[in-house]
Each structure stands twice: as C-alpha cells, then as structure tokens.
Amino acid sequence: MVQLMRNLFSAALKGNDALERGILTGILRISKDSMLSGLNNLKTYTLLDQGYSHDFGFKEEEVAYLFKTQGLSTSMEQVKNWYNGYKAGNVVVYNPWSIISCLSEEGRFDVYWVNTGNNDLVKESLFRSSSGIKSKFEQLMQGASLCVPIDKHLSFDLLGRDETALWSLLLFCGYLKFESSHLQFSSDLYDCCVSIPNDEVFRLYNRFFAEWLSNQFDEADDYKFFLDHLIAGNVPSFTEALRCFLLQSASCFDTHGPRKSEGFYHGFVLAMLASLSRTHYIKSNRESGLGRYDVLIIPKKGAKAILLEFKHLRKEEELENAAKLALQQIQDQAYHTELLAYPYVKEVVECGIAFSGKAVLAAYTTYDLVHQQTGAIMLTAKYSQEEWYE
C-alpha cells in the first residue's frame, strides 16, 4: 500500500507538466516513508501557521452574512458559542461544516461536525491516557486553558508515542483550539495554550466520559441510581453503588497502587463532569477556605451541595480511620467557603470516602450553611449496615 500511494502521489504531483498546483488536505501530515520517497517536496501548513489561515474555515463576517442572507434571526452569540473558537494562524474561524449544516436546518443548533466521522481513536486514546492527562482534562472540562506541548510535525505513525502526540492529535483534529503558541527552539515543539473550542465539542467530551461511566454498570438503571444517590446526598446508597462500580470497572481503572488510584480518581471526576454538567457545577481540586478540596458538586437549581474528599489505602482495615480523617480535613479546612458565592445553596453534605481495592467506607455529615451548624457524623459500614459514632 505504501508503494502504491508513493507511486500515485509521485506521478500526480511531481514532474507532472499538466499540473500547476496540487493541494492535499487532512488532519496529520504525510509521513515520508524513506529518504528515497518520491513525494519529498511538500510544503505543509498547519493551524499554527499563517499560510492559508483564511482558508481553514468561515470568518465571523462571513458567518453573519450567511445567516442574514438566509433570513434567519439566529443570535450570533449562540452561533459563536456552538461553532466558533478555532484559530488558524492569527485568524479566528468557525467550523464550516457545522455552519453549513446549521443553515440547512434553518438555524437549528445541533452536533453536526462531531457526528461526521469515527471518534473511536480519540475516545480510546483518552480512556487509555495517564492520570496526569486526565487531571488536565478535568481543568479543560471546567473551562480552563492549559499550556501543553504540540508537535507540528506529528504523523499518524507516531500516535500513541507520548503525551505530546495525544495533545497534537486533539488540536489538529479540531477537538482543542490553540489560543497562543510559542516555538521551543531547543526541541522543535510548540508551547500552546489550548482549550475546548465550543459547545459542540464540549458535548462530545461529555458523551465520551458519560459513556465510559455508564458502561461500568450492568444495567442502565444502576447508572441512573448511582448518580441520583450522589446528588441527593444519600451517602450509604451511593457508597454501595460506588463499591459495585469499583468491582465492575477494575479492568479500566484498577485502584491498587497510588498511580492506579489516581487514574481511578481522575476518571471518576471526568465522568461526573460529563454526566452532571447540565444540572450541576462540578469542580475539582480548587482552592476554598484553607486548602484544596477533591470534588465539589453544586446544583444549578436546588439547595443541597456535595463535598467529597477521597483517601486511598493499601490496607483495608484502616478504612474507618481514613474516612474520618478525610471528613475532618473537609471541616478543618473550611472547604464549604466557596458555597457562600451561591446563596441559594442552604446545606452541604460533607463526605470523606476511603477505599482500598474494592472496599469502600465513608464518614459524612450535613453542614447547615444558613445557621452554620454541623449535624451528627455518620459512618457507613463496609458492606450493608450503618452505625453512628460521636
């Protein structure tokens, strides 16, 4: 196949007197198979380059003109939120396929571009990624921008090599946008500030991580109950569901060892971000009070928030003490302070969760934000009972 493509491109693009110019478009650059490759005189332009930057998509004035000529009163702010966000060189562009599809549907917003191809490569790359990458994705899913290394010369045969390859794939595939870039002359890599480009792509990531979480349960109802118990603050039922989740997801995120437990934790948070983002604000590893909490779940409507602090242990017999210490950390560090910015939230369920392998135990209480009072502390048993302690 390599020989066939080399001969085809060489005959069509090199030494062809009938051809003035040839243009090849795609996601990643063509890999020259060897020093003797017949296709060795290509000029490559990526999203990071100025050349052809006006040709990667529609500019804002072009989009406004298209909607106006169609007689649509669609809000340009909504169009921007859904399909804008990309940059080519210094030019801000809109996704052309999504804009055309939206126009053909008389201005109806939907996920058009992300459903035009197979996303399995991106999805599997994310699922197999390190805990460090998952931690960075938590920040991206919360609207943050990150500085990551980008290899402009990445070719398809180098995918899966390292973290740089994944970030480069996501950028050049359109799953991330770059806000700024700076060449590292020592490594030929670019330091790029990247973020999720728009609502269309954000919804795709939501679908990826929600799918991962739901696949860990035998029944769809189990997945729904898992989420319902969590946001309701029903800690005993939630920890029981979490125990089942750990048993069934061992092949994806084993919890043995510090690195594996980190992978589970970040995968869990990403799944929460994806599954609950429409109804709740999901925040992780943020400063509040005197420290940084693990997970804070704030309802967009409703009076009850959830604070989670996780502890991983090697020995199962130490779970109870670790869960109590996690809860004490929530209280001593005043992690609930951030909730003062949400006056409609009246109480928060504070929960310290300790796990070792597939065993889970939680210590929890309810804090009344209005009267600044802490309720009785409760402890879930490792299996099915619940006991009080003072």
Protein backbone atom coordinates (compact mmCIF):
# COMPACT_ATOMS: atom_id res chain seq x y z
CA MET A 1 0.00 0.00 0.00
CA VAL A 2 2.86 2.40 0.82
CA GLN A 3 4.43 1.69 -2.57
CA LEU A 4 1.10 2.22 -4.32
CA MET A 5 0.47 5.58 -2.64
CA ARG A 6 4.07 6.70 -3.24
CA ASN A 7 3.79 5.96 -6.95
CA LEU A 8 0.34 7.55 -7.17
CA PHE A 9 1.32 10.80 -5.49
CA SER A 10 4.68 10.97 -7.26
CA ALA A 11 3.07 10.59 -10.68
CA ALA A 12 0.26 13.03 -9.92
CA LEU A 13 2.11 15.72 -8.02
CA LYS A 14 5.75 15.59 -9.05
CA GLY A 15 7.05 16.09 -12.57
CA ASN A 16 3.52 16.48 -13.95
CA ASP A 17 3.64 19.20 -16.63
CA ALA A 18 -0.17 19.41 -16.74
CA LEU A 19 -0.39 20.35 -13.06
CA GLU A 20 0.15 23.89 -11.83
CA ARG A 21 -0.52 23.20 -8.15
CA GLY A 22 -1.71 20.29 -6.05
CA ILE A 23 -3.38 20.57 -2.65
CA LEU A 24 -3.77 17.74 -0.15
CA THR A 25 -5.86 18.34 2.97
CA GLY A 26 -6.13 16.25 6.09
CA ILE A 27 -5.56 16.11 9.82
CA LEU A 28 -1.96 14.95 10.13
CA ARG A 29 0.97 15.41 7.76
CA ILE A 30 2.01 12.77 5.24
CA SER A 31 4.85 10.64 6.53
CA LYS A 32 7.72 10.36 4.06
CA ASP A 33 8.42 6.64 4.19
CA SER A 34 12.15 6.91 3.48
CA MET A 35 14.86 9.23 2.26
CA LEU A 36 14.19 7.98 -1.26
CA SER A 37 10.49 8.81 -1.15
CA GLY A 38 9.21 10.21 -4.43
CA LEU A 39 6.98 12.64 -2.53
CA ASN A 40 9.66 14.75 -0.90
CA ASN A 41 8.91 18.31 -1.94
CA LEU A 42 5.77 19.08 0.03
CA LYS A 43 5.10 22.37 1.79
CA THR A 44 2.97 21.75 4.87
CA TYR A 45 0.72 24.33 6.55
CA THR A 46 -0.95 23.59 9.88
CA LEU A 47 -3.31 25.53 12.11
CA LEU A 48 -0.25 27.07 13.75
CA ASP A 49 0.97 28.65 10.51
CA GLN A 50 -0.04 31.91 8.84
CA GLY A 51 -0.12 30.48 5.33
CA TYR A 52 -3.67 29.71 4.11
CA SER A 53 -5.01 30.72 7.54
CA HIS A 54 -8.03 32.36 5.86
CA ASP A 55 -8.93 29.09 4.14
CA PHE A 56 -9.43 26.75 7.12
CA GLY A 57 -12.97 27.90 7.90
CA PHE A 58 -15.52 30.72 7.79
CA LYS A 59 -14.64 34.08 9.29
CA GLU A 60 -17.14 35.81 11.57
CA GLU A 61 -18.27 38.37 8.99
CA GLU A 62 -18.85 35.55 6.51
CA VAL A 63 -20.98 33.64 9.02
CA ALA A 64 -23.03 36.75 9.84
CA TYR A 65 -23.58 37.36 6.11
CA LEU A 66 -24.70 33.75 5.52
CA PHE A 67 -27.26 33.84 8.31
CA LYS A 68 -28.52 37.24 7.18
CA THR A 69 -28.97 36.16 3.54
CA GLN A 70 -30.87 33.09 4.75
CA GLY A 71 -33.28 35.39 6.56
CA LEU A 72 -32.53 33.78 9.93
CA SER A 73 -32.77 35.77 13.15
CA THR A 74 -30.45 33.38 14.97
CA SER A 75 -28.39 35.01 17.72
CA MET A 76 -24.78 35.35 16.59
CA GLU A 77 -23.72 34.94 20.21
CA GLN A 78 -25.29 31.48 20.22
CA VAL A 79 -23.67 30.64 16.89
CA LYS A 80 -20.33 31.69 18.36
CA ASN A 81 -20.81 29.54 21.46
CA TRP A 82 -21.71 26.48 19.41
CA TYR A 83 -19.33 26.60 16.44
CA ASN A 84 -16.66 29.27 16.92
CA GLY A 85 -13.46 29.06 18.91
CA TYR A 86 -10.96 27.85 16.33
CA LYS A 87 -7.86 29.71 15.23
CA ALA A 88 -5.75 29.29 12.11
CA GLY A 89 -2.62 31.38 12.40
CA ASN A 90 -4.00 34.64 13.80
CA VAL A 91 -7.41 34.26 12.15
CA VAL A 92 -10.47 33.24 14.20
CA VAL A 93 -12.62 30.81 12.20
CA TYR A 94 -15.89 28.92 12.52
CA ASN A 95 -16.33 25.23 11.73
CA PRO A 96 -17.56 25.36 8.09
CA TRP A 97 -19.42 22.03 8.09
CA SER A 98 -21.32 22.89 11.25
CA ILE A 99 -22.26 26.34 9.91
CA ILE A 100 -23.50 24.91 6.59
CA SER A 101 -25.44 22.18 8.40
CA CYS A 102 -26.99 24.68 10.81
CA LEU A 103 -28.06 26.87 7.88
CA SER A 104 -29.57 23.90 6.05
CA GLU A 105 -31.60 23.12 9.18
CA GLU A 106 -32.92 26.70 9.32
CA GLY A 107 -30.73 27.75 12.22
CA ARG A 108 -31.27 24.73 14.49
CA PHE A 109 -28.28 24.11 16.75
CA ASP A 110 -27.01 20.55 16.95
CA VAL A 111 -23.80 18.50 16.99
CA TYR A 112 -23.19 18.28 13.25
CA TRP A 113 -19.44 18.04 12.75
CA VAL A 114 -18.60 15.63 15.56
CA ASN A 115 -21.00 13.06 14.10
CA THR A 116 -19.46 13.10 10.61
CA GLY A 117 -16.66 10.64 11.37
CA ASN A 118 -15.47 7.86 13.63
CA ASN A 119 -14.33 9.22 17.00
CA ASP A 120 -13.07 5.88 18.34
CA LEU A 121 -9.38 6.76 18.00
CA VAL A 122 -9.78 9.91 20.08
CA LYS A 123 -12.06 8.21 22.60
CA GLU A 124 -9.76 5.23 23.16
CA SER A 125 -6.72 7.50 23.41
CA LEU A 126 -8.42 9.46 26.19
CA PHE A 127 -9.56 6.34 28.04
CA ARG A 128 -6.04 4.88 27.98
CA SER A 129 -4.32 8.15 28.89
CA SER A 130 -2.32 8.67 32.07
CA SER A 131 -3.70 10.11 35.29
CA GLY A 132 -1.75 13.29 34.53
CA ILE A 133 -3.62 13.81 31.25
CA LYS A 134 -6.96 13.03 32.91
CA SER A 135 -6.17 15.59 35.60
CA LYS A 136 -5.52 18.20 32.90
CA PHE A 137 -8.75 17.26 31.17
CA GLU A 138 -10.63 17.97 34.40
CA GLN A 139 -9.40 21.55 34.12
CA LEU A 140 -10.34 21.76 30.43
CA MET A 141 -13.83 20.44 31.16
CA GLN A 142 -14.22 23.20 33.76
CA GLY A 143 -13.46 25.88 31.16
CA ALA A 144 -9.77 26.39 31.89
CA SER A 145 -6.92 26.82 29.40
CA LEU A 146 -3.72 24.78 29.60
CA CYS A 147 -0.20 25.07 28.26
CA VAL A 148 0.74 21.80 26.51
CA PRO A 149 3.49 20.69 24.09
CA ILE A 150 2.45 20.38 20.43
CA ASP A 151 4.42 18.61 17.71
CA LYS A 152 3.65 20.31 14.39
CA HIS A 153 5.48 17.51 12.57
CA LEU A 154 3.44 14.68 14.09
CA SER A 155 2.46 11.99 11.59
CA PHE A 156 -0.05 9.19 12.02
CA ASP A 157 2.59 6.52 12.65
CA LEU A 158 3.74 8.37 15.79
CA LEU A 159 0.36 8.36 17.57
CA GLY A 160 0.38 6.75 20.99
CA ARG A 161 4.02 7.63 21.49
CA ASP A 162 3.66 10.05 24.39
CA GLU A 163 1.59 12.87 25.87
CA THR A 164 2.71 15.30 23.17
CA ALA A 165 1.27 13.03 20.48
CA LEU A 166 -2.16 13.00 22.15
CA TRP A 167 -2.35 16.78 22.59
CA SER A 168 -1.18 17.26 19.00
CA LEU A 169 -3.81 14.84 17.70
CA LEU A 170 -6.60 16.60 19.62
CA LEU A 171 -5.50 20.02 18.36
CA PHE A 172 -5.11 19.11 14.70
CA CYS A 173 -8.32 17.05 14.71
CA GLY A 174 -10.32 20.04 15.97
CA TYR A 175 -11.05 18.70 19.46
CA LEU A 176 -8.98 21.52 21.00
CA LYS A 177 -8.21 25.07 19.93
CA PHE A 178 -5.00 26.98 20.49
CA GLU A 179 -5.10 30.48 21.91
CA SER A 180 -1.39 31.21 21.64
CA SER A 181 1.74 29.34 20.56
CA HIS A 182 5.47 29.72 21.05
CA LEU A 183 8.21 27.65 19.41
CA GLN A 184 10.77 25.95 21.66
CA PHE A 185 13.92 26.15 19.55
CA SER A 186 15.64 23.50 21.67
CA SER A 187 13.06 20.81 20.88
CA ASP A 188 11.13 22.00 17.78
CA LEU A 189 7.95 21.65 19.84
CA TYR A 190 5.41 24.42 20.37
CA ASP A 191 4.18 25.56 23.77
CA CYS A 192 0.49 26.07 23.07
CA CYS A 193 -2.23 27.44 25.30
CA VAL A 194 -5.22 25.23 24.45
CA SER A 195 -8.87 24.93 25.49
CA ILE A 196 -12.10 23.27 24.38
CA PRO A 197 -13.26 25.30 21.36
CA ASN A 198 -17.05 25.37 21.66
CA ASP A 199 -20.26 23.77 22.93
CA GLU A 200 -20.36 21.24 20.10
CA VAL A 201 -17.02 19.72 21.05
CA PHE A 202 -17.72 20.05 24.78
CA ARG A 203 -20.84 17.93 24.31
CA LEU A 204 -18.76 15.29 22.55
CA TYR A 205 -16.38 15.04 25.51
CA ASN A 206 -19.41 14.80 27.80
CA ARG A 207 -20.67 11.90 25.73
CA PHE A 208 -17.28 10.14 25.83
CA PHE A 209 -16.90 10.24 29.61
CA ALA A 210 -20.57 9.61 30.41
CA GLU A 211 -20.41 6.57 28.13
CA TRP A 212 -17.36 5.30 29.99
CA LEU A 213 -19.15 5.61 33.34
CA SER A 214 -22.42 4.04 32.18
CA ASN A 215 -20.55 1.09 30.66
CA GLN A 216 -19.24 0.15 34.11
CA PHE A 217 -22.74 -0.84 35.24
CA ASP A 218 -24.63 -3.94 34.17
CA GLU A 219 -27.93 -2.09 33.86
CA ALA A 220 -28.77 1.44 32.74
CA ASP A 221 -30.92 1.88 35.86
CA ASP A 222 -27.89 1.14 38.07
CA TYR A 223 -26.04 4.02 36.43
CA LYS A 224 -29.01 6.36 36.97
CA PHE A 225 -29.40 5.33 40.63
CA PHE A 226 -25.66 5.86 41.16
CA LEU A 227 -25.97 9.49 40.05
CA ASP A 228 -29.30 10.06 41.80
CA HIS A 229 -27.95 8.85 45.16
CA LEU A 230 -24.87 11.06 44.76
CA ILE A 231 -26.66 14.35 44.07
CA ALA A 232 -29.33 13.59 46.68
CA GLY A 233 -26.65 13.19 49.34
CA ASN A 234 -27.76 9.62 50.07
CA VAL A 235 -24.27 8.55 51.11
CA PRO A 236 -24.98 4.92 52.20
CA SER A 237 -26.65 4.07 48.89
CA PHE A 238 -24.04 5.99 46.92
CA THR A 239 -21.10 4.21 48.57
CA GLU A 240 -22.79 0.85 47.94
CA ALA A 241 -23.18 1.80 44.27
CA LEU A 242 -19.57 3.03 44.23
CA ARG A 243 -18.45 -0.35 45.55
CA CYS A 244 -20.28 -2.06 42.68
CA PHE A 245 -18.74 0.45 40.29
CA LEU A 246 -15.24 -0.41 41.51
CA LEU A 247 -15.88 -4.12 41.15
CA GLN A 248 -17.11 -3.78 37.59
CA SER A 249 -14.58 -1.20 36.40
CA ALA A 250 -11.45 -2.99 37.59
CA SER A 251 -10.27 -3.57 34.03
CA CYS A 252 -10.43 0.16 33.25
CA PHE A 253 -9.27 1.82 36.44
CA ASP A 254 -7.72 -0.53 38.97
CA THR A 255 -7.39 1.04 42.41
CA HIS A 256 -4.31 -0.87 43.58
CA GLY A 257 -1.28 1.36 43.99
CA PRO A 258 -1.01 5.16 44.11
CA ARG A 259 -0.81 5.69 40.34
CA LYS A 260 -3.73 3.37 39.65
CA SER A 261 -5.84 5.01 42.35
CA GLU A 262 -5.04 8.41 40.84
CA GLY A 263 -6.25 7.10 37.49
CA PHE A 264 -9.50 5.96 39.06
CA TYR A 265 -10.00 9.26 40.84
CA HIS A 266 -9.46 11.43 37.76
CA GLY A 267 -11.55 9.11 35.60
CA PHE A 268 -14.34 9.30 38.16
CA VAL A 269 -14.24 13.10 38.27
CA LEU A 270 -14.30 13.34 34.46
CA ALA A 271 -17.32 11.04 34.42
CA MET A 272 -19.05 13.25 36.99
CA LEU A 273 -18.27 16.34 34.92
CA ALA A 274 -19.78 14.68 31.88
CA SER A 275 -22.83 13.12 33.50
CA LEU A 276 -23.99 16.01 35.69
CA SER A 277 -22.81 19.14 33.90
CA ARG A 278 -26.29 20.08 32.68
CA THR A 279 -27.75 20.27 36.18
CA HIS A 280 -24.72 20.87 38.40
CA TYR A 281 -21.43 22.70 38.56
CA ILE A 282 -18.72 20.09 39.08
CA LYS A 283 -15.46 21.45 40.47
CA SER A 284 -12.32 19.59 41.43
CA ASN A 285 -9.00 20.43 43.06
CA ARG A 286 -9.98 24.06 43.64
CA GLU A 287 -8.87 26.33 46.47
CA SER A 288 -11.55 27.03 49.05
CA GLY A 289 -11.18 28.01 52.68
CA LEU A 290 -7.72 26.95 53.82
CA GLY A 291 -6.95 24.29 51.23
CA ARG A 292 -7.96 22.40 48.09
CA TYR A 293 -10.94 20.06 48.03
CA ASP A 294 -11.19 16.97 45.83
CA VAL A 295 -14.71 17.34 44.39
CA LEU A 296 -17.47 19.91 44.94
CA ILE A 297 -20.88 19.35 43.32
CA ILE A 298 -23.08 22.47 43.28
CA PRO A 299 -26.66 22.37 41.98
CA LYS A 300 -27.62 24.96 39.37
CA LYS A 301 -31.06 24.85 40.97
CA GLY A 302 -31.57 23.43 44.42
CA ALA A 303 -30.38 23.84 47.97
CA LYS A 304 -28.02 20.88 48.57
CA ALA A 305 -24.35 20.70 47.55
CA ILE A 306 -21.97 17.73 47.92
CA LEU A 307 -18.33 17.86 49.06
CA LEU A 308 -16.19 14.75 48.51
CA GLU A 309 -12.70 14.02 49.81
CA PHE A 310 -11.06 10.74 48.74
CA LYS A 311 -8.41 8.70 50.52
CA HIS A 312 -6.71 5.62 49.06
CA LEU A 313 -5.20 3.00 51.36
CA ARG A 314 -3.19 -0.16 50.94
CA LYS A 315 -4.73 -1.85 54.00
CA GLU A 316 -8.47 -2.36 54.19
CA GLU A 317 -8.53 -2.44 57.99
CA GLU A 318 -7.57 1.26 58.15
CA LEU A 319 -10.56 2.45 56.12
CA GLU A 320 -12.63 3.76 59.03
CA ASN A 321 -9.89 5.98 60.41
CA ALA A 322 -9.02 7.28 56.93
CA ALA A 323 -12.65 8.16 56.18
CA LYS A 324 -12.91 10.08 59.47
CA LEU A 325 -9.68 11.93 58.72
CA ALA A 326 -10.96 12.85 55.25
CA LEU A 327 -14.14 14.29 56.75
CA GLN A 328 -12.15 16.12 59.41
CA GLN A 329 -10.00 17.62 56.65
CA ILE A 330 -13.12 18.97 54.92
CA GLN A 331 -14.24 20.61 58.15
CA ASP A 332 -10.87 21.87 59.39
CA GLN A 333 -10.02 23.42 56.01
CA ALA A 334 -13.50 25.01 55.68
CA TYR A 335 -13.94 23.73 52.13
CA HIS A 336 -17.56 24.89 52.19
CA THR A 337 -16.39 28.53 51.95
CA GLU A 338 -16.78 28.59 48.16
CA LEU A 339 -20.50 27.87 48.56
CA LEU A 340 -21.03 31.32 50.09
CA ALA A 341 -20.98 32.59 46.49
CA TYR A 342 -24.14 30.54 45.84
CA PRO A 343 -26.74 31.99 48.26
CA TYR A 344 -29.48 29.62 47.09
CA VAL A 345 -27.47 26.64 48.41
CA LYS A 346 -28.56 26.13 52.02
CA GLU A 347 -26.70 22.96 53.04
CA VAL A 348 -23.79 20.78 52.01
CA VAL A 349 -23.26 17.07 52.56
CA GLU A 350 -19.60 16.68 53.58
CA CYS A 351 -18.27 13.22 52.84
CA GLY A 352 -14.89 11.62 53.39
CA ILE A 353 -14.53 8.45 51.31
CA ALA A 354 -11.78 5.89 51.89
CA PHE A 355 -11.21 2.96 49.57
CA SER A 356 -8.78 0.09 49.33
CA GLY A 357 -9.05 -2.19 46.37
CA LYS A 358 -12.79 -2.71 46.04
CA ALA A 359 -13.71 -1.90 49.67
CA VAL A 360 -15.32 1.49 50.31
CA LEU A 361 -16.24 3.27 53.54
CA ALA A 362 -17.48 6.83 54.10
CA ALA A 363 -17.78 9.22 57.04
CA TYR A 364 -20.25 12.02 56.41
CA THR A 365 -22.35 14.79 57.90
CA THR A 366 -24.54 17.70 56.81
CA TYR A 367 -23.46 21.30 57.33
CA ASP A 368 -26.18 23.97 57.55
CA LEU A 369 -24.82 26.97 55.67
CA VAL A 370 -27.57 29.29 56.92
CA HIS A 371 -27.15 28.61 60.64
CA GLN A 372 -23.52 27.43 60.36
CA GLN A 373 -24.26 24.22 62.22
CA THR A 374 -22.87 20.73 61.69
CA GLY A 375 -25.14 17.71 62.03
CA ALA A 376 -24.36 14.33 63.51
CA ILE A 377 -21.47 12.44 61.94
CA MET A 378 -22.31 9.05 60.44
CA LEU A 379 -20.22 6.19 59.17
CA THR A 380 -21.18 3.69 56.51
CA ALA A 381 -20.21 0.09 57.12
CA LYS A 382 -18.00 -1.71 54.64
CA TYR A 383 -20.92 -3.72 53.40
CA SER A 384 -24.56 -3.03 54.28
CA GLN A 385 -25.01 -1.58 57.78
CA GLU A 386 -24.69 1.94 59.04
CA GLU A 387 -23.58 2.98 62.51
CA TRP A 388 -23.36 6.20 64.48
CA TYR A 389 -20.28 7.50 66.16
CA GLU A 390 -19.59 10.72 68.01
